[in-house]
Structures are given as structure tokens and as C-alpha cells.
N, C-alpha and C. Protein backbone atom coordinates (compact mmCIF):
# COMPACT_ATOMS: atom_id res chain seq x y z
N MET A 1 111.25 72.48 179.39
CA MET A 1 110.99 73.92 179.45
C MET A 1 112.33 74.65 179.52
N ALA A 2 112.50 75.67 178.68
CA ALA A 2 113.73 76.43 178.66
C ALA A 2 113.44 77.84 178.19
N ALA A 3 114.12 78.82 178.81
CA ALA A 3 113.95 80.22 178.40
C ALA A 3 112.49 80.63 178.40
N SER A 4 111.76 80.21 179.42
CA SER A 4 110.33 80.58 179.58
C SER A 4 109.46 80.12 178.42
N SER A 5 109.83 78.99 177.80
CA SER A 5 108.99 78.46 176.71
C SER A 5 108.83 76.96 176.92
N ALA A 6 107.78 76.42 176.35
CA ALA A 6 107.53 75.00 176.48
C ALA A 6 106.97 74.46 175.18
N THR A 7 107.28 73.22 174.86
CA THR A 7 106.78 72.58 173.65
C THR A 7 106.01 71.33 174.04
N VAL A 8 104.85 71.19 173.49
CA VAL A 8 104.02 70.00 173.74
C VAL A 8 103.77 69.29 172.43
N THR A 9 104.09 68.01 172.35
CA THR A 9 103.85 67.22 171.15
C THR A 9 102.60 66.38 171.35
N LEU A 10 101.65 66.54 170.47
CA LEU A 10 100.39 65.81 170.56
C LEU A 10 100.52 64.48 169.84
N GLY A 11 99.95 63.44 170.40
CA GLY A 11 99.87 62.15 169.71
C GLY A 11 98.85 62.24 168.60
N PRO A 12 98.84 61.24 167.69
CA PRO A 12 97.94 61.34 166.53
C PRO A 12 96.47 61.38 166.91
N GLU A 13 96.06 60.64 167.92
CA GLU A 13 94.65 60.63 168.31
C GLU A 13 94.24 61.97 168.90
N LEU A 14 95.10 62.53 169.75
CA LEU A 14 94.79 63.84 170.34
C LEU A 14 94.82 64.93 169.29
N GLN A 15 95.77 64.81 168.32
CA GLN A 15 95.83 65.81 167.26
C GLN A 15 94.54 65.78 166.43
N ARG A 16 94.05 64.58 166.12
CA ARG A 16 92.81 64.47 165.37
C ARG A 16 91.63 65.06 166.16
N ALA A 17 91.64 64.85 167.45
CA ALA A 17 90.57 65.41 168.29
C ALA A 17 90.62 66.95 168.27
N VAL A 18 91.84 67.51 168.36
CA VAL A 18 91.96 68.96 168.31
C VAL A 18 91.52 69.50 166.97
N ASP A 19 91.93 68.82 165.88
CA ASP A 19 91.51 69.24 164.54
C ASP A 19 90.00 69.23 164.39
N GLN A 20 89.36 68.19 164.93
CA GLN A 20 87.91 68.08 164.83
C GLN A 20 87.25 69.17 165.64
N LEU A 21 87.83 69.52 166.80
CA LEU A 21 87.29 70.61 167.62
C LEU A 21 87.35 71.93 166.85
N VAL A 22 88.49 72.17 166.19
CA VAL A 22 88.60 73.38 165.40
C VAL A 22 87.55 73.41 164.30
N ARG A 23 87.34 72.27 163.65
CA ARG A 23 86.33 72.22 162.58
C ARG A 23 84.93 72.45 163.12
N ASP A 24 84.62 71.88 164.29
CA ASP A 24 83.31 72.05 164.87
C ASP A 24 83.04 73.51 165.27
N VAL A 25 84.06 74.14 165.83
CA VAL A 25 83.88 75.51 166.32
C VAL A 25 84.02 76.53 165.22
N ALA A 26 84.97 76.30 164.32
CA ALA A 26 85.31 77.32 163.32
C ALA A 26 85.03 76.84 161.90
N GLY A 27 84.01 76.04 161.73
CA GLY A 27 83.69 75.50 160.41
C GLY A 27 83.43 76.57 159.37
N ASP A 28 82.76 77.65 159.76
CA ASP A 28 82.48 78.74 158.82
C ASP A 28 83.76 79.43 158.36
N VAL A 29 84.69 79.61 159.30
CA VAL A 29 85.96 80.25 158.96
C VAL A 29 86.75 79.35 158.00
N ILE A 30 86.79 78.07 158.29
CA ILE A 30 87.52 77.14 157.43
C ILE A 30 86.94 77.16 156.01
N GLN A 31 85.62 77.19 155.90
CA GLN A 31 84.97 77.19 154.60
C GLN A 31 85.39 78.40 153.77
N ILE A 32 85.40 79.59 154.41
CA ILE A 32 85.75 80.82 153.68
C ILE A 32 87.22 80.81 153.28
N VAL A 33 88.09 80.37 154.19
CA VAL A 33 89.52 80.29 153.85
C VAL A 33 89.72 79.33 152.68
N GLU A 34 89.00 78.21 152.69
CA GLU A 34 89.11 77.24 151.60
C GLU A 34 88.60 77.84 150.29
N GLU A 35 87.53 78.60 150.34
CA GLU A 35 86.99 79.23 149.14
C GLU A 35 87.98 80.23 148.56
N ILE A 36 88.65 80.99 149.42
CA ILE A 36 89.66 81.94 148.94
C ILE A 36 90.82 81.21 148.26
N ALA A 37 91.30 80.15 148.90
CA ALA A 37 92.40 79.39 148.32
C ALA A 37 92.00 78.73 147.00
N ASN A 38 90.77 78.20 146.95
CA ASN A 38 90.29 77.57 145.72
C ASN A 38 90.16 78.59 144.60
N ASP A 39 89.65 79.78 144.93
CA ASP A 39 89.52 80.82 143.92
C ASP A 39 90.87 81.21 143.33
N LEU A 40 91.88 81.33 144.18
CA LEU A 40 93.21 81.69 143.70
C LEU A 40 93.80 80.60 142.83
N ALA A 41 93.66 79.34 143.25
CA ALA A 41 94.23 78.24 142.47
C ALA A 41 93.51 78.06 141.15
N SER A 42 92.18 78.11 141.17
CA SER A 42 91.44 77.92 139.92
C SER A 42 91.63 79.10 138.98
N GLY A 43 91.78 80.32 139.53
CA GLY A 43 92.05 81.47 138.69
C GLY A 43 93.41 81.37 138.02
N ALA A 44 94.40 80.85 138.74
CA ALA A 44 95.72 80.67 138.16
C ALA A 44 95.69 79.64 137.06
N ARG A 45 94.95 78.54 137.27
CA ARG A 45 94.82 77.52 136.21
C ARG A 45 94.13 78.10 134.99
N ARG A 46 93.11 78.89 135.20
CA ARG A 46 92.32 79.47 134.11
C ARG A 46 93.16 80.43 133.26
N ASP A 47 93.97 81.25 133.91
CA ASP A 47 94.66 82.33 133.23
C ASP A 47 96.11 82.01 132.85
N TRP A 48 96.61 80.85 133.27
CA TRP A 48 98.01 80.51 133.07
C TRP A 48 98.42 80.60 131.61
N TYR A 49 97.63 79.97 130.75
CA TYR A 49 98.02 79.89 129.33
C TYR A 49 97.51 81.08 128.51
N LYS A 50 96.99 82.08 129.19
CA LYS A 50 96.82 83.38 128.56
C LYS A 50 98.15 84.15 128.62
N ASN A 51 99.08 83.65 129.42
CA ASN A 51 100.36 84.31 129.64
C ASN A 51 101.53 83.60 128.98
N VAL A 52 101.45 82.28 128.84
CA VAL A 52 102.54 81.50 128.24
C VAL A 52 101.98 80.47 127.28
N ARG A 53 102.85 79.98 126.38
CA ARG A 53 102.43 78.97 125.43
C ARG A 53 102.32 77.62 126.10
N ARG A 54 101.36 76.83 125.67
CA ARG A 54 101.16 75.50 126.24
C ARG A 54 102.12 74.49 125.59
N LYS A 55 102.79 73.73 126.43
CA LYS A 55 103.62 72.61 125.94
C LYS A 55 103.06 71.33 126.54
N SER A 56 103.53 70.93 127.69
CA SER A 56 102.97 69.75 128.32
C SER A 56 101.66 70.06 129.04
N GLY A 57 101.44 71.30 129.44
CA GLY A 57 100.27 71.67 130.19
C GLY A 57 100.40 71.44 131.69
N GLU A 58 101.53 70.87 132.13
CA GLU A 58 101.69 70.52 133.53
C GLU A 58 101.82 71.76 134.42
N SER A 59 102.57 72.75 133.98
CA SER A 59 102.84 73.89 134.85
C SER A 59 101.57 74.64 135.23
N GLY A 60 100.61 74.74 134.31
CA GLY A 60 99.37 75.45 134.62
C GLY A 60 98.38 74.59 135.35
N ASP A 61 98.23 73.32 134.92
CA ASP A 61 97.25 72.44 135.55
C ASP A 61 97.65 72.04 136.97
N SER A 62 98.90 72.26 137.34
CA SER A 62 99.39 71.85 138.66
C SER A 62 99.13 72.88 139.74
N ASN A 63 98.49 73.99 139.41
CA ASN A 63 98.10 74.96 140.44
C ASN A 63 96.94 74.37 141.25
N ASP A 64 97.12 74.29 142.56
CA ASP A 64 96.10 73.67 143.42
C ASP A 64 96.21 74.28 144.82
N TYR A 65 95.42 73.77 145.75
CA TYR A 65 95.48 74.26 147.14
C TYR A 65 95.27 73.09 148.08
N ARG A 66 95.68 73.29 149.32
CA ARG A 66 95.38 72.32 150.39
C ARG A 66 95.08 73.10 151.68
N MET A 67 94.34 72.47 152.54
CA MET A 67 94.00 73.09 153.82
C MET A 67 94.90 72.51 154.90
N GLU A 68 95.27 73.35 155.85
CA GLU A 68 96.15 72.93 156.94
C GLU A 68 95.60 73.44 158.25
N LEU A 69 95.32 72.52 159.17
CA LEU A 69 94.86 72.87 160.53
C LEU A 69 95.97 72.50 161.50
N ARG A 70 96.43 73.47 162.25
CA ARG A 70 97.45 73.22 163.26
C ARG A 70 97.04 73.91 164.55
N GLY A 71 96.64 73.10 165.51
CA GLY A 71 96.16 73.70 166.75
C GLY A 71 94.95 74.54 166.48
N THR A 72 95.03 75.85 166.74
CA THR A 72 93.91 76.74 166.51
C THR A 72 94.10 77.59 165.25
N SER A 73 95.07 77.25 164.42
CA SER A 73 95.29 78.02 163.18
C SER A 73 94.71 77.30 161.99
N VAL A 74 94.21 78.08 161.06
CA VAL A 74 93.64 77.54 159.80
C VAL A 74 94.36 78.22 158.66
N ARG A 75 94.91 77.42 157.75
CA ARG A 75 95.63 77.98 156.61
C ARG A 75 95.17 77.32 155.32
N GLY A 76 94.93 78.17 154.32
CA GLY A 76 94.70 77.68 152.97
C GLY A 76 95.97 77.92 152.17
N ILE A 77 96.61 76.88 151.69
CA ILE A 77 97.90 77.00 151.03
C ILE A 77 97.74 76.73 149.54
N VAL A 78 98.00 77.75 148.73
CA VAL A 78 97.97 77.61 147.27
C VAL A 78 99.38 77.26 146.82
N TYR A 79 99.49 76.25 145.96
CA TYR A 79 100.81 75.80 145.55
C TYR A 79 100.79 75.30 144.11
N ASN A 80 101.97 75.12 143.53
CA ASN A 80 102.11 74.53 142.19
C ASN A 80 102.93 73.26 142.34
N GLY A 81 102.36 72.16 141.96
CA GLY A 81 103.02 70.85 142.15
C GLY A 81 103.73 70.31 140.94
N ALA A 82 103.94 71.12 139.91
CA ALA A 82 104.64 70.64 138.70
C ALA A 82 106.11 70.41 139.04
N THR A 83 106.56 69.17 138.90
CA THR A 83 107.93 68.82 139.27
C THR A 83 108.63 68.12 138.11
N ARG A 84 109.89 68.46 137.94
CA ARG A 84 110.70 67.86 136.89
C ARG A 84 112.16 67.82 137.34
N ASN A 85 112.88 66.77 136.92
CA ASN A 85 114.32 66.70 137.24
C ASN A 85 115.07 67.66 136.35
N LEU A 86 115.63 68.70 136.98
CA LEU A 86 116.36 69.71 136.24
C LEU A 86 117.72 69.93 136.90
N PRO A 87 118.74 70.31 136.10
CA PRO A 87 120.04 70.62 136.70
C PRO A 87 119.95 71.91 137.52
N ARG A 88 120.27 71.81 138.79
CA ARG A 88 120.11 72.97 139.67
C ARG A 88 121.43 73.53 140.18
N ARG A 89 122.45 72.68 140.28
CA ARG A 89 123.72 73.17 140.81
C ARG A 89 124.82 72.19 140.42
N GLN A 90 126.05 72.56 140.68
CA GLN A 90 127.20 71.68 140.48
C GLN A 90 127.72 71.25 141.84
N LYS A 91 128.11 70.01 141.94
CA LYS A 91 128.53 69.45 143.21
C LYS A 91 129.93 68.85 143.08
N PHE A 92 130.79 69.15 144.06
CA PHE A 92 132.14 68.59 144.07
C PHE A 92 132.03 67.08 144.15
N ASN A 93 132.72 66.36 143.23
CA ASN A 93 132.56 64.91 143.18
C ASN A 93 133.74 64.13 143.74
N GLY A 94 134.67 64.83 144.42
CA GLY A 94 135.74 64.10 145.08
C GLY A 94 137.11 64.31 144.47
N ALA A 95 137.16 64.53 143.16
CA ALA A 95 138.46 64.75 142.51
C ALA A 95 138.78 66.24 142.50
N PRO A 96 140.00 66.61 142.83
CA PRO A 96 140.37 68.05 142.89
C PRO A 96 140.05 68.77 141.58
N GLY A 97 139.38 69.90 141.72
CA GLY A 97 139.10 70.75 140.55
C GLY A 97 138.02 70.25 139.64
N THR A 98 137.26 69.27 140.04
CA THR A 98 136.21 68.74 139.18
C THR A 98 134.85 68.86 139.86
N THR A 99 133.83 68.99 139.05
CA THR A 99 132.45 69.07 139.56
C THR A 99 131.56 68.18 138.68
N THR A 100 130.40 67.91 139.17
CA THR A 100 129.43 67.13 138.40
C THR A 100 128.07 67.81 138.49
N LYS A 101 127.33 67.81 137.37
CA LYS A 101 126.00 68.39 137.38
C LYS A 101 125.04 67.44 138.08
N VAL A 102 124.19 68.01 138.91
CA VAL A 102 123.24 67.21 139.69
C VAL A 102 121.84 67.56 139.26
N ASN A 103 121.09 66.56 138.80
CA ASN A 103 119.68 66.77 138.49
C ASN A 103 118.85 66.53 139.74
N GLN A 104 118.05 67.50 140.12
CA GLN A 104 117.23 67.37 141.31
C GLN A 104 115.78 67.67 140.98
N PRO A 105 114.84 67.02 141.66
CA PRO A 105 113.41 67.35 141.45
C PRO A 105 113.19 68.83 141.73
N THR A 106 112.66 69.53 140.75
CA THR A 106 112.48 70.98 140.86
C THR A 106 111.02 71.33 140.61
N GLU A 107 110.44 72.10 141.50
CA GLU A 107 109.06 72.57 141.32
C GLU A 107 109.11 73.76 140.35
N TYR A 108 109.16 73.43 139.06
CA TYR A 108 109.49 74.45 138.06
C TYR A 108 108.34 75.40 137.77
N GLY A 109 107.13 75.06 138.18
CA GLY A 109 106.00 75.94 137.90
C GLY A 109 106.16 77.33 138.50
N TYR A 110 106.94 77.43 139.58
CA TYR A 110 107.13 78.72 140.24
C TYR A 110 108.05 79.65 139.45
N PHE A 111 108.75 79.09 138.46
CA PHE A 111 109.74 79.90 137.74
C PHE A 111 109.34 80.22 136.30
N VAL A 112 108.13 79.83 135.92
CA VAL A 112 107.64 80.13 134.55
C VAL A 112 107.46 81.63 134.40
N ARG A 113 107.91 82.16 133.27
CA ARG A 113 107.81 83.60 133.04
C ARG A 113 107.01 83.89 131.77
N ARG A 114 106.38 85.05 131.76
CA ARG A 114 105.74 85.53 130.55
C ARG A 114 106.81 85.81 129.49
N PRO A 115 106.47 85.69 128.20
CA PRO A 115 107.43 86.08 127.16
C PRO A 115 107.76 87.56 127.30
N GLY A 116 108.98 87.92 126.92
CA GLY A 116 109.40 89.31 126.98
C GLY A 116 108.82 90.14 125.84
N PRO A 117 109.05 91.45 125.85
CA PRO A 117 108.46 92.34 124.83
C PRO A 117 108.99 92.11 123.42
N PHE A 118 110.14 91.43 123.30
CA PHE A 118 110.72 91.18 121.98
C PHE A 118 110.72 89.70 121.62
N SER A 119 109.88 88.93 122.31
CA SER A 119 109.82 87.49 122.10
C SER A 119 109.40 87.13 120.69
N ARG A 120 110.08 86.14 120.12
CA ARG A 120 109.77 85.67 118.76
C ARG A 120 109.47 84.17 118.82
N ILE A 121 108.67 83.69 117.88
CA ILE A 121 108.39 82.27 117.78
C ILE A 121 108.60 81.81 116.34
N PHE A 122 108.74 80.51 116.17
CA PHE A 122 108.92 79.93 114.83
C PHE A 122 107.79 78.94 114.59
N LYS A 123 107.13 79.07 113.46
CA LYS A 123 106.01 78.22 113.10
C LYS A 123 106.35 77.39 111.88
N GLY A 124 105.79 76.17 111.84
CA GLY A 124 105.95 75.31 110.68
C GLY A 124 105.18 75.84 109.50
N LEU A 125 105.49 75.35 108.30
CA LEU A 125 104.87 75.87 107.06
C LEU A 125 103.79 74.91 106.57
N ASN A 126 102.78 75.50 105.92
CA ASN A 126 101.83 74.64 105.22
C ASN A 126 102.40 74.27 103.85
N ASP A 127 101.70 73.46 103.08
CA ASP A 127 102.25 72.95 101.82
C ASP A 127 102.57 74.08 100.84
N ALA A 128 101.68 75.07 100.74
CA ALA A 128 101.91 76.15 99.79
C ALA A 128 103.13 76.98 100.17
N GLU A 129 103.27 77.29 101.46
CA GLU A 129 104.42 78.06 101.92
C GLU A 129 105.71 77.29 101.71
N TYR A 130 105.64 75.98 101.99
CA TYR A 130 106.85 75.14 101.84
C TYR A 130 107.30 75.11 100.38
N SER A 131 106.33 74.99 99.47
CA SER A 131 106.66 74.96 98.05
C SER A 131 107.33 76.27 97.62
N GLN A 132 106.81 77.40 98.07
CA GLN A 132 107.38 78.70 97.73
C GLN A 132 108.80 78.84 98.25
N VAL A 133 109.01 78.44 99.51
CA VAL A 133 110.33 78.56 100.12
C VAL A 133 111.34 77.67 99.41
N MET A 134 110.93 76.45 99.05
CA MET A 134 111.85 75.55 98.37
C MET A 134 112.19 76.05 96.96
N SER A 135 111.22 76.68 96.32
CA SER A 135 111.50 77.29 95.01
C SER A 135 112.53 78.40 95.15
N TYR A 136 112.40 79.18 96.20
CA TYR A 136 113.37 80.26 96.46
C TYR A 136 114.75 79.66 96.74
N TRP A 137 114.79 78.59 97.51
CA TRP A 137 116.05 77.92 97.82
C TRP A 137 116.74 77.41 96.58
N GLN A 138 115.98 76.76 95.71
CA GLN A 138 116.56 76.20 94.49
C GLN A 138 117.10 77.30 93.57
N ALA A 139 116.45 78.46 93.60
CA ALA A 139 116.89 79.56 92.73
C ALA A 139 118.05 80.34 93.33
N ASN A 140 118.13 80.41 94.66
CA ASN A 140 119.11 81.30 95.30
C ASN A 140 120.13 80.60 96.18
N GLY A 141 119.83 79.37 96.56
CA GLY A 141 120.74 78.64 97.43
C GLY A 141 120.69 79.06 98.88
N THR A 142 119.73 79.90 99.22
CA THR A 142 119.52 80.34 100.61
C THR A 142 118.02 80.38 100.88
N LEU A 143 117.68 80.51 102.13
CA LEU A 143 116.28 80.65 102.51
C LEU A 143 115.89 82.12 102.51
N PRO A 144 114.62 82.44 102.28
CA PRO A 144 114.20 83.85 102.38
C PRO A 144 114.41 84.38 103.79
N ALA A 145 114.49 85.68 103.93
CA ALA A 145 114.65 86.31 105.24
C ALA A 145 113.48 85.92 106.15
N GLY A 146 113.77 85.62 107.41
CA GLY A 146 112.73 85.27 108.37
C GLY A 146 112.45 83.80 108.43
N TYR A 147 113.15 82.96 107.68
CA TYR A 147 112.96 81.52 107.70
C TYR A 147 114.26 80.85 108.20
N ILE A 148 114.11 79.77 108.95
CA ILE A 148 115.27 79.00 109.39
C ILE A 148 115.00 77.53 109.11
N ALA A 149 116.06 76.75 109.06
CA ALA A 149 115.95 75.30 108.88
C ALA A 149 116.64 74.60 110.04
N ARG A 150 116.08 73.47 110.44
CA ARG A 150 116.70 72.68 111.50
C ARG A 150 118.06 72.14 111.06
N ALA A 151 118.18 71.85 109.79
CA ALA A 151 119.43 71.36 109.20
C ALA A 151 119.45 71.75 107.74
N LEU A 152 120.65 71.85 107.18
CA LEU A 152 120.81 72.19 105.76
C LEU A 152 121.37 71.02 104.95
N VAL A 153 121.50 69.88 105.58
CA VAL A 153 121.96 68.66 104.91
C VAL A 153 121.07 67.52 105.34
N ASP A 154 120.53 66.75 104.39
CA ASP A 154 119.63 65.66 104.77
C ASP A 154 120.42 64.42 105.15
N THR A 155 119.71 63.36 105.47
CA THR A 155 120.34 62.14 105.96
C THR A 155 121.19 61.47 104.88
N LYS A 156 121.00 61.80 103.62
CA LYS A 156 121.79 61.23 102.54
C LYS A 156 122.96 62.13 102.15
N GLY A 157 123.16 63.20 102.94
CA GLY A 157 124.28 64.09 102.68
C GLY A 157 124.01 65.13 101.61
N ARG A 158 122.77 65.24 101.17
CA ARG A 158 122.43 66.23 100.15
C ARG A 158 122.17 67.58 100.78
N LYS A 159 122.60 68.65 100.14
CA LYS A 159 122.40 69.98 100.67
C LYS A 159 120.99 70.44 100.36
N ARG A 160 120.16 70.45 101.37
CA ARG A 160 118.77 70.92 101.23
C ARG A 160 118.22 71.20 102.62
N PRO A 161 117.38 72.22 102.78
CA PRO A 161 116.88 72.58 104.12
C PRO A 161 115.89 71.56 104.66
N ILE A 162 116.05 71.21 105.92
CA ILE A 162 115.19 70.25 106.60
C ILE A 162 114.55 70.94 107.81
N GLY A 163 113.25 70.77 107.95
CA GLY A 163 112.55 71.35 109.10
C GLY A 163 112.49 72.85 109.05
N ILE A 164 111.92 73.40 107.99
CA ILE A 164 111.87 74.86 107.80
C ILE A 164 110.77 75.45 108.68
N SER A 165 111.08 76.56 109.31
CA SER A 165 110.12 77.31 110.13
C SER A 165 110.18 78.79 109.79
N LYS A 166 109.06 79.46 110.01
CA LYS A 166 109.00 80.90 109.77
C LYS A 166 108.99 81.65 111.09
N GLU A 167 109.84 82.67 111.18
CA GLU A 167 109.93 83.47 112.39
C GLU A 167 108.86 84.57 112.39
N GLY A 168 108.27 84.80 113.56
CA GLY A 168 107.28 85.88 113.69
C GLY A 168 107.18 86.36 115.11
N ASP A 169 106.43 87.42 115.33
CA ASP A 169 106.21 87.94 116.68
C ASP A 169 105.45 86.92 117.51
N ASN A 170 105.82 86.79 118.77
CA ASN A 170 105.08 85.96 119.69
C ASN A 170 103.80 86.68 120.07
N PRO A 171 102.62 86.10 119.79
CA PRO A 171 101.37 86.80 120.11
C PRO A 171 101.17 87.01 121.63
N LEU A 172 101.98 86.30 122.44
CA LEU A 172 101.88 86.47 123.89
C LEU A 172 102.99 87.36 124.44
N GLN A 173 103.56 88.20 123.58
CA GLN A 173 104.57 89.15 124.05
C GLN A 173 104.06 89.91 125.26
N ALA A 174 104.92 90.01 126.29
CA ALA A 174 104.48 90.66 127.53
C ALA A 174 105.70 91.29 128.21
N ASP A 175 105.69 91.26 129.52
CA ASP A 175 106.73 91.96 130.29
C ASP A 175 107.81 91.04 130.84
N GLY A 176 107.72 89.74 130.56
CA GLY A 176 108.72 88.82 131.06
C GLY A 176 108.62 88.50 132.54
N LYS A 177 107.53 88.93 133.19
CA LYS A 177 107.43 88.74 134.63
C LYS A 177 107.04 87.31 135.00
N ASN A 178 107.28 86.97 136.27
CA ASN A 178 106.98 85.65 136.81
C ASN A 178 105.47 85.42 136.81
N VAL A 179 105.01 84.31 136.20
CA VAL A 179 103.57 84.06 136.08
C VAL A 179 102.94 83.72 137.43
N TRP A 180 103.65 82.94 138.26
CA TRP A 180 103.13 82.58 139.57
C TRP A 180 102.88 83.84 140.41
N LYS A 181 103.85 84.75 140.39
CA LYS A 181 103.69 85.99 141.15
C LYS A 181 102.51 86.79 140.64
N ALA A 182 102.38 86.89 139.32
CA ALA A 182 101.31 87.71 138.74
C ALA A 182 99.93 87.14 139.02
N LEU A 183 99.81 85.82 138.99
CA LEU A 183 98.47 85.19 139.06
C LEU A 183 98.08 84.71 140.46
N VAL A 184 99.06 84.58 141.34
CA VAL A 184 98.74 84.11 142.70
C VAL A 184 99.14 85.14 143.76
N ILE A 185 100.41 85.43 143.84
CA ILE A 185 100.89 86.33 144.91
C ILE A 185 100.27 87.71 144.78
N ASP A 186 100.27 88.28 143.57
CA ASP A 186 99.74 89.63 143.39
C ASP A 186 98.23 89.69 143.55
N ARG A 187 97.55 88.57 143.42
CA ARG A 187 96.09 88.55 143.57
C ARG A 187 95.65 88.19 144.98
N LYS A 188 96.58 87.73 145.79
CA LYS A 188 96.23 87.20 147.12
C LYS A 188 95.52 88.22 147.98
N GLN A 189 96.09 89.40 148.13
CA GLN A 189 95.54 90.38 149.04
C GLN A 189 94.15 90.82 148.63
N ALA A 190 93.94 91.02 147.31
CA ALA A 190 92.62 91.41 146.84
C ALA A 190 91.59 90.32 147.11
N ALA A 191 91.99 89.06 146.97
CA ALA A 191 91.08 87.95 147.23
C ALA A 191 90.68 87.90 148.71
N ILE A 192 91.66 88.17 149.58
CA ILE A 192 91.36 88.19 151.02
C ILE A 192 90.49 89.39 151.38
N ASP A 193 90.85 90.56 150.84
CA ASP A 193 90.09 91.77 151.16
C ASP A 193 88.62 91.63 150.76
N ALA A 194 88.38 90.94 149.64
CA ALA A 194 87.00 90.78 149.14
C ALA A 194 86.15 89.95 150.10
N ARG A 195 86.78 89.16 150.96
CA ARG A 195 86.01 88.29 151.87
C ARG A 195 86.18 88.69 153.34
N LEU A 196 86.73 89.88 153.60
CA LEU A 196 86.95 90.29 154.98
C LEU A 196 85.68 90.35 155.81
N ASP A 197 84.60 90.90 155.23
CA ASP A 197 83.34 90.98 155.97
C ASP A 197 82.84 89.59 156.31
N ASP A 198 82.91 88.68 155.33
CA ASP A 198 82.46 87.30 155.56
C ASP A 198 83.31 86.64 156.64
N LEU A 199 84.62 86.89 156.60
CA LEU A 199 85.52 86.30 157.60
C LEU A 199 85.20 86.84 158.99
N ASP A 200 84.97 88.12 159.06
CA ASP A 200 84.68 88.75 160.35
C ASP A 200 83.42 88.15 160.97
N LYS A 201 82.38 87.98 160.15
CA LYS A 201 81.12 87.41 160.65
C LYS A 201 81.31 85.94 161.04
N ALA A 202 82.10 85.21 160.25
CA ALA A 202 82.34 83.80 160.57
C ALA A 202 83.13 83.65 161.86
N ILE A 203 84.10 84.52 162.06
CA ILE A 203 84.90 84.47 163.31
C ILE A 203 84.00 84.78 164.49
N GLN A 204 83.08 85.74 164.35
CA GLN A 204 82.18 86.07 165.45
C GLN A 204 81.25 84.90 165.77
N ARG A 205 80.74 84.24 164.72
CA ARG A 205 79.89 83.05 164.96
C ARG A 205 80.67 81.96 165.67
N SER A 206 81.94 81.78 165.27
CA SER A 206 82.77 80.76 165.92
C SER A 206 83.01 81.11 167.38
N ALA A 207 83.24 82.41 167.65
CA ALA A 207 83.44 82.83 169.03
C ALA A 207 82.17 82.59 169.86
N ASP A 208 81.02 82.83 169.27
CA ASP A 208 79.77 82.59 169.98
C ASP A 208 79.59 81.12 170.32
N ARG A 209 79.92 80.25 169.38
CA ARG A 209 79.81 78.81 169.62
C ARG A 209 80.79 78.37 170.70
N PHE A 210 81.99 78.94 170.67
CA PHE A 210 83.01 78.56 171.64
C PHE A 210 82.58 78.95 173.06
N GLU A 211 81.92 80.10 173.18
CA GLU A 211 81.49 80.56 174.50
C GLU A 211 80.39 79.68 175.06
N LYS A 212 79.62 79.06 174.18
CA LYS A 212 78.57 78.17 174.65
C LYS A 212 79.15 76.84 175.14
């Protein structure tokens, strides 16, 4: 005990007993908190790829929730578990004036952003488009405006465009904002407010059970 405070550490058996007591007394409250967390996580999964293009699918599918009971507190935690080794910082490696890039596990789902208002994408060509572009190349020695090639020399050293794509507007052009914030953080308060009456009634029922 110090500065008028005290800390008590519960053993695993006692902690389980306390958790079970909370569940017995406040089961209705736990259920509603879990429903709110589940609604936020499932809504984020549902709407994620309305905001960004799908690649691996991991960043959107990794939106989930977990429940946490600590003493008399109940928390529904919505999180994104998409993790990838990404370069995050440079670290001094021992030699004067030198640094090394360090790849660290990064929960990258939190940093996904909507495309900006001027976002562009490149699409591959079908056979007819490819034939037209190659005819233009043979006649002019360049690609038409709005087309790019991955390379202009093939593996045999011949000058010809390889991997041609056509540039166009990104159909998901938006405001460039953080997707996690838009779909989870900004929706959190409305989700809670919508269940306030249910929470209030559940808390009252729990209080009545506790008094008995």
C-alpha cells in the first residue's frame, strides 16, 4: 500500500470465479455490449471493399471483436488483426553514421485509406484493345496517350511494349480518409446510442439480481 492506494492480484482460479460472477449477474449487459461490438466489426467487414480495391482481402476480413471482463468491467473491443512485416523505422546498427531498415510485424489494417479524389488505376487490355494498341505502336513507335507498358524491351532485347495497361479514373475515388476511422471509430457512438435504452434496462436487471 502506498499513497493511499492498494493493488490486489487475483490468482487464476479466483479470477475465473470473479468473471463467472460478473457473467451471472450482468449477463444481459454483456450480451448487449457483445452485440454492439459484433455489429461494428461485421459492418466494417461488409463495407470495407466499398471503399478500397481488394487485393489479398486480409485487411477487410480481419475486422473482428473480442470480449474482455476485468473485475466488474465489461468491454467489447473491435480490432483489425491484419498483420504484415513492413519497414517501420531505421535503427542504428553499431557503425558510426550507418542505419539499417528494420521490418517489424505491423497491424496494417488500421492504416488503409480510401483512394483520393484524383486516384487513377491501370487495367489490362483485352485481345481487341491489345491488337489496336500494337498497330498504333508499329505505325508510330510510341503508345497511344493513356497507355503504359511495364517494359519497352522484351527478353530477347527487341524493342516492343510488354505488359500494356490502360489508365483510367479509379471508380472508388473518394476523400483519401482512413477506412478504419470511417467504418469503426466514426460509427461507434451511433452504435452505442442506438442501444442505450437496452443497456439501461439490462443494467437495472443486473442491479436487481445483485441485490437479491
